[in-house]
Each structure stands twice: as C-alpha cells, then as structure tokens.
Amino acid sequence: MDRQELRKNAHDVDVTVWVGKSGIGAVTDELSDQLDDRELVKVKFHRAARGGTTVEELAEELADRVDATLIETRGNTAVYH
C-alpha cells in the first residue's frame, strides 16, 4: 500500500494511543504492540506532552523509537504504519 492509500485509510481509524505529560517514553511499548496487531495506529499528543516542541518533532521521535513509519501529522494527531 502506498502512502496516499494509507493516509486515506487513516481517516476512519480512531485514536488508540494518547501521549500526555509523561511524554512519549510512556507510550512506546503500547504503540509498538498496537502496530504488531494493526496496519495503522493513530496517536494524539496532548498539550502537556508537547512542552516546547512541535507535534511533528514528537511524532518523528516516537516513530524512530518504535521503528515505525510516520504517515502524517494533522493538528495534534499522528498516524503510524
């Protein structure tokens, strides 16, 4: 599946991982487990998680930590494959 198809399919995916004030370290295992079971996982970054960084920076760092592909970020939400 190409990136454009994955983005289209991500529209119907619900958020299943939330990143809060504990940061991305607290959700890496959960995201990794969900990616083993699903093709796409949607993650929401709460304001407390962002601190002085952007959602895009956090999303890229989380993708690197779990060895996933970041499909897109939109607002405070990121989609991983």
Protein backbone atom coordinates (compact mmCIF):
# COMPACT_ATOMS: atom_id res chain seq x y z
CA MET A 1 0.00 0.00 0.00
CA ASP A 2 1.40 3.40 -0.88
CA ARG A 3 1.50 6.42 1.42
CA GLN A 4 -1.53 8.08 -0.20
CA GLU A 5 -3.71 4.98 0.31
CA LEU A 6 -2.57 4.72 3.92
CA ARG A 7 -3.48 8.37 4.51
CA LYS A 8 -6.92 7.75 3.03
CA ASN A 9 -7.45 4.68 5.22
CA ALA A 10 -6.25 6.57 8.30
CA HIS A 11 -9.29 8.83 8.09
CA ASP A 12 -11.52 6.08 9.54
CA VAL A 13 -9.06 4.98 12.26
CA ASP A 14 -9.82 6.04 15.84
CA VAL A 15 -7.17 7.37 18.21
CA THR A 16 -5.96 4.48 20.39
CA VAL A 17 -2.81 5.99 21.95
CA TRP A 18 -2.68 9.26 23.89
CA VAL A 19 0.59 10.99 24.81
CA GLY A 20 0.25 13.07 27.97
CA LYS A 21 2.52 14.76 30.47
CA SER A 22 4.58 11.58 30.94
CA GLY A 23 5.83 12.02 27.37
CA ILE A 24 6.48 9.61 24.53
CA GLY A 25 8.57 7.25 26.65
CA ALA A 26 5.41 6.17 28.45
CA VAL A 27 3.69 5.00 25.24
CA THR A 28 6.45 3.41 23.16
CA ASP A 29 5.68 -0.15 24.24
CA GLU A 30 1.94 0.32 23.74
CA LEU A 31 2.40 1.79 20.27
CA SER A 32 4.79 -0.97 19.30
CA ASP A 33 2.31 -3.63 20.45
CA GLN A 34 -0.55 -1.99 18.57
CA LEU A 35 1.50 -1.75 15.38
CA ASP A 36 2.12 -5.50 15.62
CA ASP A 37 -1.65 -6.06 15.58
CA ARG A 38 -2.84 -3.27 13.25
CA GLU A 39 -1.79 -1.71 9.99
CA LEU A 40 -2.38 1.86 11.16
CA VAL A 41 -2.35 3.43 14.62
CA LYS A 42 -3.45 6.97 15.40
CA VAL A 43 -1.77 8.83 18.27
CA LYS A 44 -2.94 12.06 19.89
CA PHE A 45 -0.46 14.42 21.56
CA HIS A 46 -1.97 16.39 24.43
CA ARG A 47 -0.70 19.91 25.13
CA ALA A 48 1.12 18.75 28.27
CA ALA A 49 3.24 16.35 26.20
CA ARG A 50 4.44 18.98 23.78
CA GLY A 51 6.26 21.31 26.15
CA GLY A 52 8.44 23.48 23.91
CA THR A 53 8.40 21.15 20.90
CA THR A 54 6.04 20.69 17.98
CA VAL A 55 3.79 17.74 17.30
CA GLU A 56 5.84 16.98 14.19
CA GLU A 57 9.07 16.74 16.20
CA LEU A 58 7.49 14.49 18.82
CA ALA A 59 5.85 12.34 16.15
CA GLU A 60 9.17 11.82 14.35
CA GLU A 61 10.95 10.95 17.59
CA LEU A 62 8.24 8.45 18.53
CA ALA A 63 8.43 6.87 15.06
CA ASP A 64 12.19 6.43 15.49
CA ARG A 65 11.79 4.86 18.93
CA VAL A 66 9.31 2.21 17.76
CA ASP A 67 10.80 1.75 14.27
CA ALA A 68 7.56 2.79 12.59
CA THR A 69 6.73 4.89 9.55
CA LEU A 70 5.09 8.23 10.24
CA ILE A 71 2.34 8.53 7.63
CA GLU A 72 1.10 12.01 8.51
CA THR A 73 0.52 14.54 11.23
CA ARG A 74 -2.61 16.65 11.34
CA GLY A 75 -3.18 19.05 14.18
CA ASN A 76 -2.28 17.21 17.40
CA THR A 77 -2.62 13.76 15.85
CA ALA A 78 -0.14 11.49 14.09
CA VAL A 79 -0.70 8.29 12.11
CA TYR A 80 1.84 5.45 12.13
CA HIS A 81 2.33 2.38 9.97
